[in-house]
Structures are given as structure tokens and as C-alpha cells.
Amino acid sequence: MSIRTVRDVYVVDAVRTPVGKFGGAFAGVRPDDLAAHVVRALVDRTPGLDPARIDDVVFGDANGAGEDNRDVARMAVLLAGLPVTVPGVTVNRLCGSGLEAVVQAARSIALGDSSVAIAGGVESMTRAPWVVQKPERAYPATHQQMWSTALGWRMTNPRMPQEWTVSLGEGAELVAEKHGITREEQDAFALESHRKAAAAWQAGLYADEVVPFPGVELDRDESVREGSTMEALARLKPVFRTDGTGTVTAGNASPLNDGAAALLLTDEAGLRATGREPLARISASAVTGIEPQLFGLGPVEAVQRALEKAGTGFADLAVMELNEAFAAQALGCLASWPELDPAVVNPRGGAIAIGHPLGASGARLAGAVAHRLAAAGSGKGVASLCIGVGQGIALVLER
């Protein structure tokens, strides 16, 4: 029995579209076209790489019920004009899907099954369809329930305990209760997310990673609100609890969004073929489970495990990209990591401002960490997301 040597995995490049808001600039763009765009952009930005050398394309997609059905990764390969010999596979770990795609592609390279891969994610929450179950008998006389697939659990198995199947927003309220996080703290966190994102765009800091979609007039993330204030946020009513105890609003939660992101990953041989210097190297990853209603705290243990695998700690981190599904859950995670300097977290804004196109967000975060480390010239970073139904995922990168 032969033992294979684990190979280093490099992030050569990372791109993303601007993130569109629900019903916004990307409302007329299919998700498979969004995915194809970032795949094509990576190939075009690496002219030294023969596209036929790409061993696989792995994409995350949290929905898959509409135009992103039938393996959107393979559709992206074909629509991007890559050789038909390049395969594609789609993975689903809900909000962590894009990062799961990076992990799976990196694992394939580390084990020697691939040399060059593209990993990414896509979501169009705007174009997510409505679905209805088939009737249990022919010619029903009653109406059938219809669900929107844009967000949340639907057609829940009645065997699931009710406390597990609460809404995502109610889960955020539970985290706020658990950690004593006030409405004002959540609003302040949200305001800071918008402030940092707006400042980053004004300074041109996203120029290296954002690739506008042709024919769509959107050159920056559509959900960023430069003029937001604490007063404006305070006027918003709680969405999920209306009995006077609610703290989670549309202002301190991530919006519904559309977008795509992708990374080019290689081993040493693949890196030489690109003729480029890598942005970063992937060190370790971890995925963990937690009680479904406390999904927002999923990153807590996932990040700790990933750092342990990488042989490093919070004090060594130059940057962390933590997905802001809700201000409450992000603050809950930060409260669980007292050793972490909050100044390194989401330095150019997070999902509350930038947006959270479910299947794409993990790839966006991984790409952001890689670009930040490359700009710094050295350091270590983490990308992490909470995941609905109670999971967390984390990836450690270094340069």
C-alpha cells in the first residue's frame, strides 16, 4: 500500500462579482451566468494557464431549486467556454457552501487527485423559485401550500423538534439572549459594517478582486448604505419578535442578495504553470455541528479546531473574515473568542453591508482573506461562517 504525500495548496487568484441586492441590478441575470462569469474571469486573468489543465470546478450553491439546478458548476464550465473535458461538481452546506467548495477542491489537490482546480459559489436569491409539493392524491379539491425558496427551511419534517426549526431570525434572538447582546450593540455593529465597507469602496480597495458583470450597471456592492446612522437603525422595528422583546431588525441582519465568487487553487506544479505568485496558502479547515437553533454560534468551535490543526492561535491572526448573517450571532462568536483582536475582523465590512448571497459568501470570504494576506505580504487569516440547521465552517490561510 503506497502512502501519498500531502501537497501544499495555493490560492493563485480570487474574484467575485459585486453583490446585488434582492430585486436589484442582478435581478435579470441567471445564477449559472453569474457563476460562469467568475470562472471565466479567473481564466482570463491567468493567461499562462491552459484551461484544459483545470482538473475540476467545485461550486457551492445553497438553493439549487431554480436555474441553478442540474449541477450549476458544470453549467458554469460550459457557459464560460472552458473545454468540455473540464468537469464540475456542486456542493451544498447551506450558508457554508462556497467555503465547503474551497475545502473540497483544496483537499483534492492536497491528496494529489488534482493539480489545478477552481472553487467558488453562487446564489441568486432574487431568482429563487416558488415551489409546491406534488399532491398526495390525484385531482385534489383543496389548495396546495407554496414556498419561496429564497431563504429558510421549508417542507420541514414534522419529526423534527420544534425548538430546532425556529426561523433564522429567532435563532439570532436566542443568541442575543444567551450572550446578553442588546439592540443598541447590534445596531452599532451593523453601522460599523456599513462604514467600513463604504470606506473600502471609496478608497478603491476592492479593485483587485471585484469583476463587474458585463451589461449590468453595478460597479460596487449594492446593499452598502453610506448614510446609515444609529438613529435610522433605531427606527426599524424588530422582525421576528413583536412582543417587545425583539432586537433583530432588517438593519442589523444581512440582506437577501445575488452574486458569485471563485478562487483558483493549485499545487506546486500547477502554480508553475500559471506563472504567477500565489496570494496565500491553505493551512487547515474544520466543520462542526451545534444545536440547530443556535446555528449562529457554529463558527466558535469550527474556528478553534481549524486553528489547532494549523498549529496557530487567535493572537497570530492578521485578518478574520467572519460572515455577518446577523449582528447578534457575529457578536456572540466574538464574545466567545476573548483572545481575538476585534480590529482584525472584517476590516472592509461584512455581510450586513456587503450582502450574503448564500452559496457564494464562503468563497467571497476565503478570497478576501487571501487578498488581505497578499497585500500585507505575510500573516495568517481565517474565513468562517455560521450555517443554518446548526453547523460552522472555518478555513485557515497563511502567507
Protein backbone atom coordinates (compact mmCIF):
# COMPACT_ATOMS: atom_id res chain seq x y z
CA MET A 1 0.00 0.00 0.00
CA SER A 2 1.51 3.31 -1.09
CA ILE A 3 1.34 6.43 1.10
CA ARG A 4 0.76 9.68 -0.73
CA THR A 5 2.49 12.86 0.37
CA VAL A 6 0.14 15.70 1.27
CA ARG A 7 0.74 18.60 -1.10
CA ASP A 8 0.66 22.31 -0.38
CA VAL A 9 -2.40 24.08 -1.80
CA TYR A 10 -2.05 27.63 -3.08
CA VAL A 11 -4.63 30.33 -3.76
CA VAL A 12 -3.40 31.84 -7.01
CA ASP A 13 -6.25 34.31 -7.53
CA ALA A 14 -9.72 35.12 -6.23
CA VAL A 15 -12.51 37.13 -7.81
CA ARG A 16 -16.11 37.97 -7.12
CA THR A 17 -18.92 39.93 -8.65
CA PRO A 18 -20.30 42.98 -6.89
CA VAL A 19 -23.07 41.74 -4.61
CA GLY A 20 -26.51 42.73 -5.85
CA LYS A 21 -29.47 43.36 -3.59
CA PHE A 22 -32.73 41.40 -3.76
CA GLY A 23 -34.63 42.51 -6.87
CA GLY A 24 -31.73 44.80 -7.77
CA ALA A 25 -29.15 45.04 -10.53
CA PHE A 26 -28.76 41.26 -10.97
CA ALA A 27 -32.48 40.51 -10.99
CA GLY A 28 -32.30 39.78 -14.71
CA VAL A 29 -29.16 37.63 -14.54
CA ARG A 30 -29.34 33.86 -14.18
CA PRO A 31 -27.23 32.27 -11.43
CA ASP A 32 -25.44 29.98 -13.88
CA ASP A 33 -24.37 33.06 -15.83
CA LEU A 34 -23.07 34.69 -12.62
CA ALA A 35 -21.07 31.54 -11.90
CA ALA A 36 -19.72 31.36 -15.44
CA HIS A 37 -18.60 34.97 -15.24
CA VAL A 38 -16.27 34.47 -12.27
CA VAL A 39 -14.91 31.23 -13.72
CA ARG A 40 -14.12 32.97 -16.99
CA ALA A 41 -12.58 35.92 -15.16
CA LEU A 42 -10.12 33.66 -13.33
CA VAL A 43 -9.07 32.04 -16.61
CA ASP A 44 -8.69 35.39 -18.36
CA ARG A 45 -6.60 36.77 -15.50
CA THR A 46 -4.22 33.80 -15.76
CA PRO A 47 -3.24 33.68 -19.46
CA GLY A 48 -0.33 31.36 -18.77
CA LEU A 49 -2.65 28.56 -17.70
CA ASP A 50 -4.09 26.23 -20.30
CA PRO A 51 -7.78 25.85 -19.27
CA ALA A 52 -7.57 22.19 -20.19
CA ARG A 53 -5.29 21.74 -17.17
CA ILE A 54 -8.16 22.51 -14.79
CA ASP A 55 -8.93 19.18 -13.16
CA ASP A 56 -12.24 20.17 -11.58
CA VAL A 57 -14.57 23.05 -10.83
CA VAL A 58 -16.32 22.87 -7.46
CA PHE A 59 -19.12 25.32 -6.69
CA GLY A 60 -21.28 25.89 -3.64
CA ASP A 61 -24.98 26.59 -4.09
CA ALA A 62 -27.45 26.68 -1.21
CA ASN A 63 -30.65 26.57 -3.22
CA GLY A 64 -30.47 24.58 -6.44
CA ALA A 65 -34.20 24.72 -6.96
CA GLY A 66 -34.32 27.02 -9.99
CA GLU A 67 -32.00 27.98 -12.83
CA ASP A 68 -29.12 26.71 -10.70
CA ASN A 69 -30.42 23.14 -10.89
CA ARG A 70 -28.67 20.24 -12.64
CA ASP A 71 -25.16 20.94 -11.25
CA VAL A 72 -24.53 24.67 -11.65
CA ALA A 73 -20.76 24.11 -11.51
CA ARG A 74 -20.85 22.09 -14.73
CA MET A 75 -23.15 24.68 -16.32
CA ALA A 76 -20.62 27.38 -15.38
CA VAL A 77 -17.82 25.42 -17.06
CA LEU A 78 -19.76 25.14 -20.29
CA LEU A 79 -21.11 28.69 -20.28
CA ALA A 80 -17.63 30.07 -19.54
CA GLY A 81 -16.30 28.41 -22.67
CA LEU A 82 -13.90 26.06 -20.93
CA PRO A 83 -13.01 22.80 -22.68
CA VAL A 84 -15.80 20.23 -22.34
CA THR A 85 -13.23 17.94 -20.73
CA VAL A 86 -13.25 20.10 -17.58
CA PRO A 87 -15.71 18.58 -15.07
CA GLY A 88 -17.76 20.38 -12.43
CA VAL A 89 -19.49 19.42 -9.19
CA THR A 90 -21.90 21.35 -6.98
CA VAL A 91 -21.91 21.07 -3.19
CA ASN A 92 -24.42 22.24 -0.60
CA ARG A 93 -23.62 23.11 3.00
CA LEU A 94 -26.19 25.91 3.03
CA CYS A 95 -24.52 29.23 4.02
CA GLY A 96 -21.15 27.47 4.14
CA SER A 97 -21.43 26.06 0.61
CA GLY A 98 -18.90 28.39 -1.02
CA LEU A 99 -16.30 27.67 1.65
CA GLU A 100 -17.11 23.95 1.51
CA ALA A 101 -16.31 24.10 -2.21
CA VAL A 102 -12.90 25.60 -1.42
CA VAL A 103 -12.25 22.93 1.22
CA GLN A 104 -13.20 20.08 -1.10
CA ALA A 105 -11.14 21.39 -4.01
CA ALA A 106 -8.17 22.01 -1.73
CA ARG A 107 -8.46 18.52 -0.27
CA SER A 108 -8.39 17.01 -3.77
CA ILE A 109 -5.22 18.93 -4.57
CA ALA A 110 -3.59 18.10 -1.23
CA LEU A 111 -4.17 14.39 -1.85
CA GLY A 112 -2.80 14.54 -5.38
CA ASP A 113 -6.10 13.83 -7.11
CA SER A 114 -5.97 17.28 -8.75
CA SER A 115 -3.28 19.79 -9.62
CA VAL A 116 -5.42 22.76 -10.65
CA ALA A 117 -8.99 23.49 -9.56
CA ILE A 118 -11.47 26.33 -9.41
CA ALA A 119 -13.63 26.58 -6.31
CA GLY A 120 -16.41 29.05 -5.71
CA GLY A 121 -20.06 29.65 -5.07
CA VAL A 122 -23.13 31.34 -6.47
CA GLU A 123 -26.60 32.37 -5.40
CA SER A 124 -29.45 34.34 -6.87
CA MET A 125 -31.91 34.80 -4.04
CA THR A 126 -33.90 37.11 -6.30
CA ARG A 127 -34.50 34.42 -8.91
CA ALA A 128 -35.04 31.55 -6.46
CA PRO A 129 -38.36 29.99 -7.49
CA TRP A 130 -41.52 29.22 -5.61
CA VAL A 131 -42.09 25.51 -5.14
CA VAL A 132 -45.08 23.34 -4.37
CA GLN A 133 -45.19 19.67 -3.39
CA LYS A 134 -46.96 17.13 -5.52
CA PRO A 135 -50.43 16.34 -4.11
CA GLU A 136 -50.72 13.11 -2.19
CA ARG A 137 -53.60 12.02 -4.41
CA ALA A 138 -54.80 12.88 -7.88
CA TYR A 139 -57.18 15.75 -8.52
CA PRO A 140 -57.09 17.40 -5.05
CA ALA A 141 -60.01 19.70 -4.29
CA THR A 142 -58.03 21.83 -1.83
CA HIS A 143 -55.26 24.36 -2.32
CA GLN A 144 -51.61 23.29 -2.07
CA GLN A 145 -49.02 25.10 0.07
CA MET A 146 -46.42 27.04 -1.91
CA TRP A 147 -43.00 28.02 -0.54
CA SER A 148 -40.47 30.66 -1.59
CA THR A 149 -37.02 29.09 -1.85
CA ALA A 150 -35.17 32.39 -1.41
CA LEU A 151 -34.43 31.77 2.27
CA GLY A 152 -35.12 29.45 5.15
CA TRP A 153 -36.36 25.99 5.92
CA ARG A 154 -39.45 24.75 4.05
CA MET A 155 -41.36 21.49 3.97
CA THR A 156 -39.94 20.74 7.41
CA ASN A 157 -40.09 17.15 8.58
CA PRO A 158 -42.71 17.01 11.38
CA ARG A 159 -40.46 14.62 13.30
CA MET A 160 -38.02 17.48 13.94
CA PRO A 161 -38.30 19.01 17.44
CA GLN A 162 -39.96 22.42 17.23
CA GLU A 163 -37.09 24.15 19.00
CA TRP A 164 -34.80 23.08 16.15
CA THR A 165 -36.95 24.50 13.38
CA VAL A 166 -37.31 28.11 14.52
CA SER A 167 -36.66 30.82 11.94
CA LEU A 168 -33.13 32.04 11.34
CA GLY A 169 -34.05 35.37 12.90
CA GLU A 170 -35.43 33.72 16.02
CA GLY A 171 -32.16 31.79 16.23
CA ALA A 172 -30.34 35.14 16.24
CA GLU A 173 -32.65 36.35 19.02
CA LEU A 174 -31.72 33.26 21.05
CA VAL A 175 -28.01 34.02 20.63
CA ALA A 176 -28.65 37.62 21.71
CA GLU A 177 -30.38 36.34 24.83
CA LYS A 178 -27.64 33.81 25.56
CA HIS A 179 -24.88 36.43 25.44
CA GLY A 180 -26.85 39.45 26.70
CA ILE A 181 -26.40 41.34 23.44
CA THR A 182 -28.55 44.48 23.30
CA ARG A 183 -30.35 46.03 20.36
CA GLU A 184 -28.01 49.04 20.57
CA GLU A 185 -24.93 46.82 20.37
CA GLN A 186 -26.33 45.06 17.31
CA ASP A 187 -27.16 48.34 15.60
CA ALA A 188 -23.70 49.74 16.36
CA PHE A 189 -22.09 46.62 14.89
CA ALA A 190 -24.23 46.95 11.76
CA LEU A 191 -23.39 50.63 11.38
CA GLU A 192 -19.68 49.85 11.61
CA SER A 193 -20.05 47.20 8.90
CA HIS A 194 -21.54 49.78 6.54
CA ARG A 195 -18.93 52.37 7.49
CA LYS A 196 -16.02 50.03 6.78
CA ALA A 197 -17.49 48.75 3.51
CA ALA A 198 -18.25 52.24 2.24
CA ALA A 199 -14.75 53.43 3.14
CA ALA A 200 -13.17 50.45 1.38
CA TRP A 201 -15.11 51.14 -1.81
CA GLN A 202 -14.29 54.85 -1.68
CA ALA A 203 -10.60 54.02 -1.32
CA GLY A 204 -10.67 51.58 -4.25
CA LEU A 205 -9.64 48.66 -2.06
CA TYR A 206 -11.84 46.16 -3.87
CA ALA A 207 -10.35 46.80 -7.30
CA ASP A 208 -8.18 43.65 -7.25
CA GLU A 209 -10.98 41.20 -6.56
CA VAL A 210 -14.31 42.53 -7.89
CA VAL A 211 -15.12 41.85 -11.55
CA PRO A 212 -18.26 43.70 -12.72
CA PHE A 213 -20.74 41.70 -14.77
CA PRO A 214 -20.88 42.84 -18.42
CA GLY A 215 -24.03 44.67 -19.38
CA VAL A 216 -25.07 45.33 -15.78
CA GLU A 217 -24.56 48.80 -14.35
CA LEU A 218 -23.25 47.76 -10.96
CA ASP A 219 -19.68 48.59 -10.04
CA ARG A 220 -19.93 48.18 -6.25
CA ASP A 221 -21.85 46.19 -3.66
CA GLU A 222 -25.46 47.29 -3.92
CA SER A 223 -26.53 46.92 -0.28
CA VAL A 224 -23.91 49.21 1.28
CA ARG A 225 -25.58 52.20 2.91
CA GLU A 226 -23.08 55.02 3.29
CA GLY A 227 -25.51 57.35 5.01
CA SER A 228 -26.78 54.95 7.66
CA THR A 229 -26.98 56.27 11.22
CA MET A 230 -27.79 54.89 14.65
CA GLU A 231 -30.96 56.98 14.60
CA ALA A 232 -32.09 55.45 11.31
CA LEU A 233 -31.34 51.94 12.54
CA ALA A 234 -33.17 52.57 15.81
CA ARG A 235 -36.37 53.40 13.91
CA LEU A 236 -36.56 49.91 12.41
CA LYS A 237 -38.93 47.50 14.13
CA PRO A 238 -37.89 44.00 15.23
CA VAL A 239 -38.90 41.48 12.59
CA PHE A 240 -39.02 38.16 14.39
CA ARG A 241 -40.37 39.09 17.82
CA THR A 242 -43.11 41.66 18.06
CA ASP A 243 -43.88 41.26 21.76
CA GLY A 244 -41.47 43.94 22.91
CA THR A 245 -38.53 41.56 23.47
CA GLY A 246 -37.19 41.57 19.90
CA THR A 247 -33.79 43.00 18.98
CA VAL A 248 -33.18 41.67 15.45
CA THR A 249 -34.20 44.02 12.64
CA ALA A 250 -33.66 44.32 8.90
CA GLY A 251 -30.93 46.83 9.75
CA ASN A 252 -28.78 44.56 11.91
CA ALA A 253 -29.16 41.44 9.77
CA SER A 254 -27.69 40.55 6.40
CA PRO A 255 -29.99 41.23 3.43
CA LEU A 256 -31.06 38.89 0.62
CA ASN A 257 -28.58 39.05 -2.25
CA ASP A 258 -27.28 37.82 -5.59
CA GLY A 259 -23.66 37.18 -6.56
CA ALA A 260 -20.83 34.78 -7.28
CA ALA A 261 -17.21 34.29 -6.24
CA ALA A 262 -14.40 31.92 -7.22
CA LEU A 263 -10.79 31.04 -6.40
CA LEU A 264 -8.06 29.43 -8.50
CA LEU A 265 -6.27 26.73 -6.47
CA THR A 266 -3.14 24.80 -7.43
CA ASP A 267 -0.34 22.59 -6.17
CA GLU A 268 3.33 23.44 -6.85
CA ALA A 269 3.24 22.10 -10.42
CA GLY A 270 0.03 23.92 -11.19
CA LEU A 271 1.43 27.10 -9.69
CA ARG A 272 4.43 26.95 -12.02
CA ALA A 273 2.07 26.53 -14.95
CA THR A 274 0.25 29.75 -14.05
CA GLY A 275 3.47 31.75 -13.94
CA ARG A 276 2.05 33.69 -11.00
CA GLU A 277 2.90 34.27 -7.37
CA PRO A 278 0.20 32.92 -5.05
CA LEU A 279 -1.91 35.13 -2.85
CA ALA A 280 -1.81 32.65 0.04
CA ARG A 281 -1.55 29.01 1.05
CA ILE A 282 -4.33 26.96 2.65
CA SER A 283 -3.30 25.59 6.05
CA ALA A 284 -6.30 23.84 7.60
CA SER A 285 -10.07 23.64 7.78
CA ALA A 286 -12.76 22.40 10.12
CA VAL A 287 -16.50 21.89 10.18
CA THR A 288 -18.56 21.36 13.33
CA GLY A 289 -22.13 20.90 14.45
CA ILE A 290 -24.22 22.66 17.09
CA GLU A 291 -27.85 22.72 18.22
CA PRO A 292 -29.82 23.88 15.15
CA GLN A 293 -31.49 26.83 16.89
CA LEU A 294 -28.05 28.14 17.97
CA PHE A 295 -26.63 27.92 14.44
CA GLY A 296 -25.21 31.44 14.76
CA LEU A 297 -22.56 30.20 17.16
CA GLY A 298 -21.41 27.48 14.76
CA PRO A 299 -18.11 29.26 13.94
CA VAL A 300 -16.98 29.25 17.59
CA GLU A 301 -15.72 25.68 17.71
CA ALA A 302 -15.03 25.43 13.97
CA VAL A 303 -12.51 28.28 14.11
CA GLN A 304 -10.88 26.90 17.24
CA ARG A 305 -10.48 23.45 15.66
CA ALA A 306 -9.11 24.86 12.41
CA LEU A 307 -6.55 26.97 14.27
CA GLU A 308 -5.45 23.95 16.31
CA LYS A 309 -4.97 21.94 13.12
CA ALA A 310 -2.90 24.78 11.65
CA GLY A 311 -0.78 24.97 14.80
CA THR A 312 -1.62 28.59 15.41
CA GLY A 313 -3.90 30.75 17.56
CA PHE A 314 -6.06 33.87 17.67
CA ALA A 315 -3.11 36.09 18.61
CA ASP A 316 -1.39 35.20 15.32
CA LEU A 317 -4.25 36.31 13.07
CA ALA A 318 -3.77 39.31 10.81
CA VAL A 319 -7.31 39.11 9.45
CA MET A 320 -10.54 37.24 10.05
CA GLU A 321 -13.48 37.30 7.68
CA LEU A 322 -16.49 36.26 9.79
CA ASN A 323 -19.79 36.14 7.96
CA GLU A 324 -22.30 38.55 9.44
CA ALA A 325 -25.53 36.65 8.99
CA PHE A 326 -26.85 38.69 11.93
CA ALA A 327 -25.10 41.19 14.16
CA ALA A 328 -26.26 39.16 17.16
CA GLN A 329 -24.59 35.95 16.01
CA ALA A 330 -21.38 37.68 14.95
CA LEU A 331 -21.17 39.41 18.33
CA GLY A 332 -21.93 36.11 20.06
CA CYS A 333 -19.00 34.48 18.27
CA LEU A 334 -16.65 37.36 19.09
CA ALA A 335 -17.66 37.15 22.74
CA SER A 336 -16.54 33.53 22.71
CA TRP A 337 -13.04 34.44 21.47
CA PRO A 338 -11.64 36.86 24.07
CA GLU A 339 -8.10 36.32 22.72
CA LEU A 340 -9.06 37.69 19.29
CA ASP A 341 -8.39 41.33 18.47
CA PRO A 342 -11.74 42.58 17.08
CA ALA A 343 -9.86 45.11 14.94
CA VAL A 344 -8.76 42.33 12.56
CA VAL A 345 -12.33 41.16 11.93
CA ASN A 346 -13.99 42.18 8.65
CA PRO A 347 -11.70 45.18 8.08
CA ARG A 348 -13.53 46.16 4.88
CA GLY A 349 -17.05 45.49 6.08
CA GLY A 350 -19.09 42.33 6.37
CA ALA A 351 -22.25 40.71 5.09
CA ILE A 352 -24.61 43.13 6.84
CA ALA A 353 -23.33 45.79 4.45
CA ILE A 354 -21.84 43.82 1.55
CA GLY A 355 -24.60 41.22 1.43
CA HIS A 356 -24.95 37.46 1.83
CA PRO A 357 -25.70 35.56 -1.41
CA LEU A 358 -25.84 32.25 0.44
CA GLY A 359 -23.85 29.85 -1.73
CA ALA A 360 -21.29 32.49 -2.73
CA SER A 361 -20.44 34.01 0.64
CA GLY A 362 -17.91 31.42 1.78
CA ALA A 363 -15.90 31.80 -1.42
CA ARG A 364 -16.09 35.58 -1.07
CA LEU A 365 -14.69 35.39 2.46
CA ALA A 366 -11.87 32.99 1.51
CA GLY A 367 -10.91 35.22 -1.40
CA ALA A 368 -11.00 38.30 0.80
CA VAL A 369 -8.62 36.71 3.34
CA ALA A 370 -6.24 35.67 0.54
CA HIS A 371 -6.17 39.18 -0.92
CA ARG A 372 -5.64 40.79 2.51
CA LEU A 373 -2.70 38.49 3.27
CA ALA A 374 -1.17 39.15 -0.15
CA ALA A 375 -1.47 42.89 0.38
CA ALA A 376 0.22 42.59 3.77
CA GLY A 377 2.97 40.36 2.38
CA SER A 378 2.75 37.88 5.24
CA GLY A 379 0.49 36.67 8.02
CA LYS A 380 -2.30 34.27 8.84
CA GLY A 381 -6.04 34.60 8.39
CA VAL A 382 -9.34 32.80 8.87
CA ALA A 383 -12.60 32.70 6.93
CA SER A 384 -15.64 31.35 8.78
CA LEU A 385 -19.42 31.17 8.54
CA CYS A 386 -22.34 30.03 10.63
CA ILE A 387 -24.68 27.63 8.86
CA GLY A 388 -28.42 27.20 9.21
CA VAL A 389 -29.60 23.96 10.85
CA GLY A 390 -26.63 24.15 13.20
CA GLN A 391 -23.14 23.96 11.69
CA GLY A 392 -19.98 26.04 11.48
CA ILE A 393 -17.11 26.01 8.98
CA ALA A 394 -13.69 27.61 9.03
CA LEU A 395 -10.62 27.83 6.78
CA VAL A 396 -7.11 28.96 7.77
CA LEU A 397 -4.82 30.59 5.20
CA GLU A 398 -1.30 31.93 5.51
CA ARG A 399 1.38 33.71 3.50
